[in-house]
Amino acid sequence: MATAAPVFDPDFQAMLETLLRWRRDVRRFRTDPLPEELIDRLLDLACLAPSVGNSQPWRFVRVDTPALRAAIRAEVLKANEAAATAQADPRRAAYRALKLEGLDKAPLQLAVFAVTDPEQGHGLGRRTMPETVAYSAVLAIHTLWLAARAHDVGLGWVSILDPAPVVRLLDVPTGWGFIGYLCLGRAADEQEVPELERQGWQDRRPDCRQVLRR
């Protein structure tokens, strides 16, 4: 028997909007560990993300080893200094004042990869746009991000990182492409306004809905 489609009433719609508005790129974490059952639950929810051809190409690597975490942190610091040097004055000082990662305190760290040519899905939908495999893994990250926020867990995406050393350090199978490095944990504070906006780096544009009509 088919399951009846749910009805998402106005109360649910309002809560969904609240969830979207309160999703933050978290950089400040509490150090208390996340329950294992909660981690499993969040990853299960992430796997509900859409994917090209139903290929489900995402792969998660949980980075628990202190030595590996230290090596990843060193790579982030190296890339961060290069990024700071590339900033023009007076942005350089403002950049260095930002806290751009939570690697020191976040209890859970995940590296996300995509299988670049997955057998699953039989190539459907990606013959002319093979990059949709990577897009699918990004959708899994976004789904994880929202699910985490709904469970009072913060997520930060460490994007200032050279993919090549990560692939080497984590020794992943051939054919896995690096997508992102994530920190997860309870947020040290809750703010509706994004941190980069609060610190004067970049305001959110009120006219972000930009649509061309042809």
C-alpha atoms as a PDB file:
ATOM      1  CA  MET A   1       0.000   0.000   0.000  1.00  0.00           C
ATOM      2  CA  ALA A   2       1.382   3.389  -0.981  1.00  0.00           C
ATOM      3  CA  THR A   3       2.064   5.872   1.795  1.00  0.00           C
ATOM      4  CA  ALA A   4      -0.035   9.000   1.597  1.00  0.00           C
ATOM      5  CA  ALA A   5       1.924  12.155   0.823  1.00  0.00           C
ATOM      6  CA  PRO A   6       2.309  14.405   3.891  1.00  0.00           C
ATOM      7  CA  VAL A   7       0.693  17.810   4.125  1.00  0.00           C
ATOM      8  CA  PHE A   8       3.168  20.518   5.155  1.00  0.00           C
ATOM      9  CA  ASP A   9       0.922  23.007   6.878  1.00  0.00           C
ATOM     10  CA  PRO A  10       1.695  26.722   7.482  1.00  0.00           C
ATOM     11  CA  ASP A  11       3.156  25.975  10.918  1.00  0.00           C
ATOM     12  CA  PHE A  12       5.644  23.537   9.407  1.00  0.00           C
ATOM     13  CA  GLN A  13       6.459  25.990   6.622  1.00  0.00           C
ATOM     14  CA  ALA A  14       7.163  28.709   9.192  1.00  0.00           C
ATOM     15  CA  MET A  15       9.446  26.398  11.170  1.00  0.00           C
ATOM     16  CA  LEU A  16      11.288  25.432   7.991  1.00  0.00           C
ATOM     17  CA  GLU A  17      11.904  29.098   7.254  1.00  0.00           C
ATOM     18  CA  THR A  18      13.191  29.553  10.805  1.00  0.00           C
ATOM     19  CA  LEU A  19      15.561  26.617  10.311  1.00  0.00           C
ATOM     20  CA  LEU A  20      16.896  28.144   7.097  1.00  0.00           C
ATOM     21  CA  ARG A  21      17.353  31.548   8.725  1.00  0.00           C
ATOM     22  CA  TRP A  22      19.196  30.101  11.737  1.00  0.00           C
ATOM     23  CA  ARG A  23      21.529  27.814   9.808  1.00  0.00           C
ATOM     24  CA  ARG A  24      24.993  29.179  10.460  1.00  0.00           C
ATOM     25  CA  ASP A  25      28.533  28.366   9.373  1.00  0.00           C
ATOM     26  CA  VAL A  26      29.707  27.655  12.910  1.00  0.00           C
ATOM     27  CA  ARG A  27      33.294  28.461  13.888  1.00  0.00           C
ATOM     28  CA  ARG A  28      33.117  28.325  17.679  1.00  0.00           C
ATOM     29  CA  PHE A  29      32.310  24.963  19.239  1.00  0.00           C
ATOM     30  CA  ARG A  30      31.909  23.393  22.634  1.00  0.00           C
ATOM     31  CA  THR A  31      34.208  20.423  23.128  1.00  0.00           C
ATOM     32  CA  ASP A  32      31.687  17.942  24.586  1.00  0.00           C
ATOM     33  CA  PRO A  33      31.370  14.920  22.264  1.00  0.00           C
ATOM     34  CA  LEU A  34      28.286  14.191  20.207  1.00  0.00           C
ATOM     35  CA  PRO A  35      26.447  10.930  20.994  1.00  0.00           C
ATOM     36  CA  GLU A  36      27.265   8.190  18.510  1.00  0.00           C
ATOM     37  CA  GLU A  37      23.586   7.529  17.830  1.00  0.00           C
ATOM     38  CA  LEU A  38      23.129  11.196  16.928  1.00  0.00           C
ATOM     39  CA  ILE A  39      26.071  11.101  14.512  1.00  0.00           C
ATOM     40  CA  ASP A  40      24.596   8.022  12.841  1.00  0.00           C
ATOM     41  CA  ARG A  41      21.207   9.726  12.651  1.00  0.00           C
ATOM     42  CA  LEU A  42      22.618  12.850  11.026  1.00  0.00           C
ATOM     43  CA  LEU A  43      24.546  10.854   8.422  1.00  0.00           C
ATOM     44  CA  ASP A  44      21.423   8.836   7.636  1.00  0.00           C
ATOM     45  CA  LEU A  45      19.530  12.082   7.076  1.00  0.00           C
ATOM     46  CA  ALA A  46      22.342  13.424   4.888  1.00  0.00           C
ATOM     47  CA  CYS A  47      21.912  10.379   2.668  1.00  0.00           C
ATOM     48  CA  LEU A  48      18.347  11.497   1.889  1.00  0.00           C
ATOM     49  CA  ALA A  49      19.849  14.201  -0.337  1.00  0.00           C
ATOM     50  CA  PRO A  50      19.047  14.082  -4.051  1.00  0.00           C
ATOM     51  CA  SER A  51      21.751  12.844  -6.395  1.00  0.00           C
ATOM     52  CA  VAL A  52      22.212  12.657 -10.130  1.00  0.00           C
ATOM     53  CA  GLY A  53      20.875   9.350 -11.440  1.00  0.00           C
ATOM     54  CA  ASN A  54      20.296   8.293  -7.825  1.00  0.00           C
ATOM     55  CA  SER A  55      24.024   7.589  -7.756  1.00  0.00           C
ATOM     56  CA  GLN A  56      24.536   8.610  -4.100  1.00  0.00           C
ATOM     57  CA  PRO A  57      28.231   9.339  -4.762  1.00  0.00           C
ATOM     58  CA  TRP A  58      29.041  10.910  -1.391  1.00  0.00           C
ATOM     59  CA  ARG A  59      31.525   9.258   0.934  1.00  0.00           C
ATOM     60  CA  PHE A  60      32.286  10.391   4.486  1.00  0.00           C
ATOM     61  CA  VAL A  61      35.624   9.953   6.212  1.00  0.00           C
ATOM     62  CA  ARG A  62      35.494  10.439   9.950  1.00  0.00           C
ATOM     63  CA  VAL A  63      38.797  11.913  11.116  1.00  0.00           C
ATOM     64  CA  ASP A  64      39.355  10.852  14.728  1.00  0.00           C
ATOM     65  CA  THR A  65      43.124  10.233  14.879  1.00  0.00           C
ATOM     66  CA  PRO A  66      44.877  13.121  16.700  1.00  0.00           C
ATOM     67  CA  ALA A  67      47.886  12.967  14.375  1.00  0.00           C
ATOM     68  CA  LEU A  68      45.690  13.239  11.291  1.00  0.00           C
ATOM     69  CA  ARG A  69      43.727  16.101  12.807  1.00  0.00           C
ATOM     70  CA  ALA A  70      46.974  17.906  13.571  1.00  0.00           C
ATOM     71  CA  ALA A  71      48.198  17.371  10.019  1.00  0.00           C
ATOM     72  CA  ILE A  72      44.944  18.697   8.560  1.00  0.00           C
ATOM     73  CA  ARG A  73      45.120  21.708  10.868  1.00  0.00           C
ATOM     74  CA  ALA A  74      48.661  22.424   9.682  1.00  0.00           C
ATOM     75  CA  GLU A  75      47.448  22.393   6.084  1.00  0.00           C
ATOM     76  CA  VAL A  76      44.630  24.787   6.968  1.00  0.00           C
ATOM     77  CA  LEU A  77      47.065  27.180   8.663  1.00  0.00           C
ATOM     78  CA  LYS A  78      49.334  27.080   5.617  1.00  0.00           C
ATOM     79  CA  ALA A  79      46.479  27.810   3.209  1.00  0.00           C
ATOM     80  CA  ASN A  80      45.049  30.438   5.547  1.00  0.00           C
ATOM     81  CA  GLU A  81      48.319  32.370   5.679  1.00  0.00           C
ATOM     82  CA  ALA A  82      48.580  32.290   1.892  1.00  0.00           C
ATOM     83  CA  ALA A  83      45.014  33.580   1.646  1.00  0.00           C
ATOM     84  CA  ALA A  84      45.739  36.350   4.142  1.00  0.00           C
ATOM     85  CA  THR A  85      48.826  37.429   2.213  1.00  0.00           C
ATOM     86  CA  ALA A  86      46.761  37.611  -0.959  1.00  0.00           C
ATOM     87  CA  GLN A  87      44.338  40.077   0.638  1.00  0.00           C
ATOM     88  CA  ALA A  88      44.965  43.734  -0.146  1.00  0.00           C
ATOM     89  CA  ASP A  89      45.247  46.308   2.635  1.00  0.00           C
ATOM     90  CA  PRO A  90      43.206  47.120   4.666  1.00  0.00           C
ATOM     91  CA  ARG A  91      41.413  43.790   4.193  1.00  0.00           C
ATOM     92  CA  ARG A  92      44.500  41.804   5.218  1.00  0.00           C
ATOM     93  CA  ALA A  93      44.277  42.843   8.880  1.00  0.00           C
ATOM     94  CA  ALA A  94      40.525  42.255   8.905  1.00  0.00           C
ATOM     95  CA  TYR A  95      41.053  38.809   7.416  1.00  0.00           C
ATOM     96  CA  ARG A  96      43.574  37.813  10.062  1.00  0.00           C
ATOM     97  CA  ALA A  97      41.108  38.904  12.767  1.00  0.00           C
ATOM     98  CA  LEU A  98      38.521  36.410  11.573  1.00  0.00           C
ATOM     99  CA  LYS A  99      38.178  32.959  13.109  1.00  0.00           C
ATOM    100  CA  LEU A 100      37.925  30.874   9.971  1.00  0.00           C
ATOM    101  CA  GLU A 101      37.839  27.341  11.355  1.00  0.00           C
ATOM    102  CA  GLY A 102      36.900  25.360  14.456  1.00  0.00           C
ATOM    103  CA  LEU A 103      39.464  22.573  14.197  1.00  0.00           C
ATOM    104  CA  ASP A 104      40.772  23.088  17.716  1.00  0.00           C
ATOM    105  CA  LYS A 105      37.504  22.361  19.517  1.00  0.00           C
ATOM    106  CA  ALA A 106      34.961  20.681  17.258  1.00  0.00           C
ATOM    107  CA  PRO A 107      34.436  17.129  18.565  1.00  0.00           C
ATOM    108  CA  LEU A 108      33.558  15.665  15.166  1.00  0.00           C
ATOM    109  CA  GLN A 109      35.468  16.182  11.926  1.00  0.00           C
ATOM    110  CA  LEU A 110      34.332  14.767   8.593  1.00  0.00           C
ATOM    111  CA  ALA A 111      35.972  14.865   5.203  1.00  0.00           C
ATOM    112  CA  VAL A 112      33.458  14.513   2.386  1.00  0.00           C
ATOM    113  CA  PHE A 113      34.351  12.969  -0.953  1.00  0.00           C
ATOM    114  CA  ALA A 114      32.494  12.064  -4.125  1.00  0.00           C
ATOM    115  CA  VAL A 115      33.126   8.978  -6.225  1.00  0.00           C
ATOM    116  CA  THR A 116      33.947  10.655  -9.516  1.00  0.00           C
ATOM    117  CA  ASP A 117      32.603   7.861 -11.734  1.00  0.00           C
ATOM    118  CA  PRO A 118      30.152   5.810  -9.663  1.00  0.00           C
ATOM    119  CA  GLU A 119      28.695   2.606 -11.047  1.00  0.00           C
ATOM    120  CA  GLN A 120      25.486   3.317  -9.161  1.00  0.00           C
ATOM    121  CA  GLY A 121      23.117   5.308 -11.316  1.00  0.00           C
ATOM    122  CA  HIS A 122      24.514   3.841 -14.571  1.00  0.00           C
ATOM    123  CA  GLY A 123      25.687   7.261 -15.747  1.00  0.00           C
ATOM    124  CA  LEU A 124      22.181   8.709 -15.926  1.00  0.00           C
ATOM    125  CA  GLY A 125      22.100  12.504 -16.075  1.00  0.00           C
ATOM    126  CA  ARG A 126      25.836  13.162 -16.101  1.00  0.00           C
ATOM    127  CA  ARG A 127      27.023  12.367 -19.593  1.00  0.00           C
ATOM    128  CA  THR A 128      27.154  16.050 -20.565  1.00  0.00           C
ATOM    129  CA  MET A 129      27.606  17.392 -17.028  1.00  0.00           C
ATOM    130  CA  PRO A 130      29.863  15.014 -15.044  1.00  0.00           C
ATOM    131  CA  GLU A 131      30.267  17.739 -12.389  1.00  0.00           C
ATOM    132  CA  THR A 132      26.764  16.868 -11.171  1.00  0.00           C
ATOM    133  CA  VAL A 133      28.389  14.038  -9.211  1.00  0.00           C
ATOM    134  CA  ALA A 134      30.239  16.613  -7.106  1.00  0.00           C
ATOM    135  CA  TYR A 135      27.081  18.738  -6.903  1.00  0.00           C
ATOM    136  CA  SER A 136      25.276  15.718  -5.464  1.00  0.00           C
ATOM    137  CA  ALA A 137      27.856  15.422  -2.673  1.00  0.00           C
ATOM    138  CA  VAL A 138      27.431  19.145  -1.954  1.00  0.00           C
ATOM    139  CA  LEU A 139      23.690  18.562  -1.625  1.00  0.00           C
ATOM    140  CA  ALA A 140      24.435  15.844   0.917  1.00  0.00           C
ATOM    141  CA  ILE A 141      26.515  18.377   2.884  1.00  0.00           C
ATOM    142  CA  HIS A 142      23.690  20.910   2.749  1.00  0.00           C
ATOM    143  CA  THR A 143      21.185  18.285   3.878  1.00  0.00           C
ATOM    144  CA  LEU A 144      23.529  17.372   6.739  1.00  0.00           C
ATOM    145  CA  TRP A 145      23.865  21.066   7.602  1.00  0.00           C
ATOM    146  CA  LEU A 146      20.107  21.541   7.972  1.00  0.00           C
ATOM    147  CA  ALA A 147      19.619  18.245   9.798  1.00  0.00           C
ATOM    148  CA  ALA A 148      22.416  19.129  12.217  1.00  0.00           C
ATOM    149  CA  ARG A 149      20.899  22.530  12.961  1.00  0.00           C
ATOM    150  CA  ALA A 150      17.516  20.915  13.600  1.00  0.00           C
ATOM    151  CA  HIS A 151      19.245  18.676  16.176  1.00  0.00           C
ATOM    152  CA  ASP A 152      21.042  21.617  17.850  1.00  0.00           C
ATOM    153  CA  VAL A 153      24.368  20.738  16.247  1.00  0.00           C
ATOM    154  CA  GLY A 154      26.511  23.330  14.509  1.00  0.00           C
ATOM    155  CA  LEU A 155      28.438  22.682  11.314  1.00  0.00           C
ATOM    156  CA  GLY A 156      31.381  24.609   9.888  1.00  0.00           C
ATOM    157  CA  TRP A 157      32.814  24.103   6.412  1.00  0.00           C
ATOM    158  CA  VAL A 158      36.599  24.522   6.329  1.00  0.00           C
ATOM    159  CA  SER A 159      37.094  25.721   2.775  1.00  0.00           C
ATOM    160  CA  ILE A 160      40.581  27.219   3.094  1.00  0.00           C
ATOM    161  CA  LEU A 161      42.322  23.944   2.388  1.00  0.00           C
ATOM    162  CA  ASP A 162      44.273  22.441  -0.500  1.00  0.00           C
ATOM    163  CA  PRO A 163      42.497  19.215  -1.559  1.00  0.00           C
ATOM    164  CA  ALA A 164      45.661  17.335  -2.595  1.00  0.00           C
ATOM    165  CA  PRO A 165      47.213  17.000   0.897  1.00  0.00           C
ATOM    166  CA  VAL A 166      43.852  15.932   2.329  1.00  0.00           C
ATOM    167  CA  VAL A 167      43.544  13.123  -0.198  1.00  0.00           C
ATOM    168  CA  ARG A 168      47.103  12.044   0.562  1.00  0.00           C
ATOM    169  CA  LEU A 169      46.767  12.225   4.340  1.00  0.00           C
ATOM    170  CA  LEU A 170      43.463  10.351   4.487  1.00  0.00           C
ATOM    171  CA  ASP A 171      44.601   7.684   2.001  1.00  0.00           C
ATOM    172  CA  VAL A 172      41.193   7.366   0.344  1.00  0.00           C
ATOM    173  CA  PRO A 173      40.486   5.022  -2.574  1.00  0.00           C
ATOM    174  CA  THR A 174      41.442   6.077  -6.085  1.00  0.00           C
ATOM    175  CA  GLY A 175      38.583   7.832  -7.799  1.00  0.00           C
ATOM    176  CA  TRP A 176      37.379   9.736  -4.742  1.00  0.00           C
ATOM    177  CA  GLY A 177      37.329  13.496  -5.270  1.00  0.00           C
ATOM    178  CA  PHE A 178      37.610  15.797  -2.275  1.00  0.00           C
ATOM    179  CA  ILE A 179      34.538  17.977  -1.711  1.00  0.00           C
ATOM    180  CA  GLY A 180      34.820  19.511   1.746  1.00  0.00           C
ATOM    181  CA  TYR A 181      36.106  19.281   5.299  1.00  0.00           C
ATOM    182  CA  LEU A 182      33.487  19.721   8.020  1.00  0.00           C
ATOM    183  CA  CYS A 183      33.581  20.440  11.744  1.00  0.00           C
ATOM    184  CA  LEU A 184      30.537  19.488  13.822  1.00  0.00           C
ATOM    185  CA  GLY A 185      29.616  19.999  17.450  1.00  0.00           C
ATOM    186  CA  ARG A 186      27.444  22.011  19.791  1.00  0.00           C
ATOM    187  CA  ALA A 187      27.803  25.692  18.977  1.00  0.00           C
ATOM    188  CA  ALA A 188      29.432  27.831  21.655  1.00  0.00           C
ATOM    189  CA  ASP A 189      26.871  30.560  20.981  1.00  0.00           C
ATOM    190  CA  GLU A 190      23.754  31.075  18.882  1.00  0.00           C
ATOM    191  CA  GLN A 191      23.487  34.055  16.550  1.00  0.00           C
ATOM    192  CA  GLU A 192      20.858  34.822  13.943  1.00  0.00           C
ATOM    193  CA  VAL A 193      23.197  37.205  12.087  1.00  0.00           C
ATOM    194  CA  PRO A 194      26.107  35.496  10.271  1.00  0.00           C
ATOM    195  CA  GLU A 195      29.523  36.042  11.845  1.00  0.00           C
ATOM    196  CA  LEU A 196      31.033  37.590   8.732  1.00  0.00           C
ATOM    197  CA  GLU A 197      28.229  40.121   8.740  1.00  0.00           C
ATOM    198  CA  ARG A 198      28.595  40.834  12.452  1.00  0.00           C
ATOM    199  CA  GLN A 199      32.322  41.458  12.016  1.00  0.00           C
ATOM    200  CA  GLY A 200      31.840  43.783   9.081  1.00  0.00           C
ATOM    201  CA  TRP A 201      33.417  41.529   6.468  1.00  0.00           C
ATOM    202  CA  GLN A 202      30.404  41.191   4.158  1.00  0.00           C
ATOM    203  CA  ASP A 203      26.738  42.057   4.654  1.00  0.00           C
ATOM    204  CA  ARG A 204      23.995  39.860   3.286  1.00  0.00           C
ATOM    205  CA  ARG A 205      22.500  41.457   0.195  1.00  0.00           C
ATOM    206  CA  PRO A 206      18.796  42.293   0.507  1.00  0.00           C
ATOM    207  CA  ASP A 207      18.388  41.782  -3.258  1.00  0.00           C
ATOM    208  CA  CYS A 208      19.946  38.313  -3.396  1.00  0.00           C
ATOM    209  CA  ARG A 209      17.035  37.006  -5.482  1.00  0.00           C
ATOM    210  CA  GLN A 210      18.392  38.045  -8.863  1.00  0.00           C
ATOM    211  CA  VAL A 211      16.456  36.600 -11.771  1.00  0.00           C
ATOM    212  CA  LEU A 212      16.910  37.127 -15.491  1.00  0.00           C
ATOM    213  CA  ARG A 213      13.856  36.612 -17.687  1.00  0.00           C
ATOM    214  CA  ARG A 214      14.397  35.669 -21.301  1.00  0.00           C
END
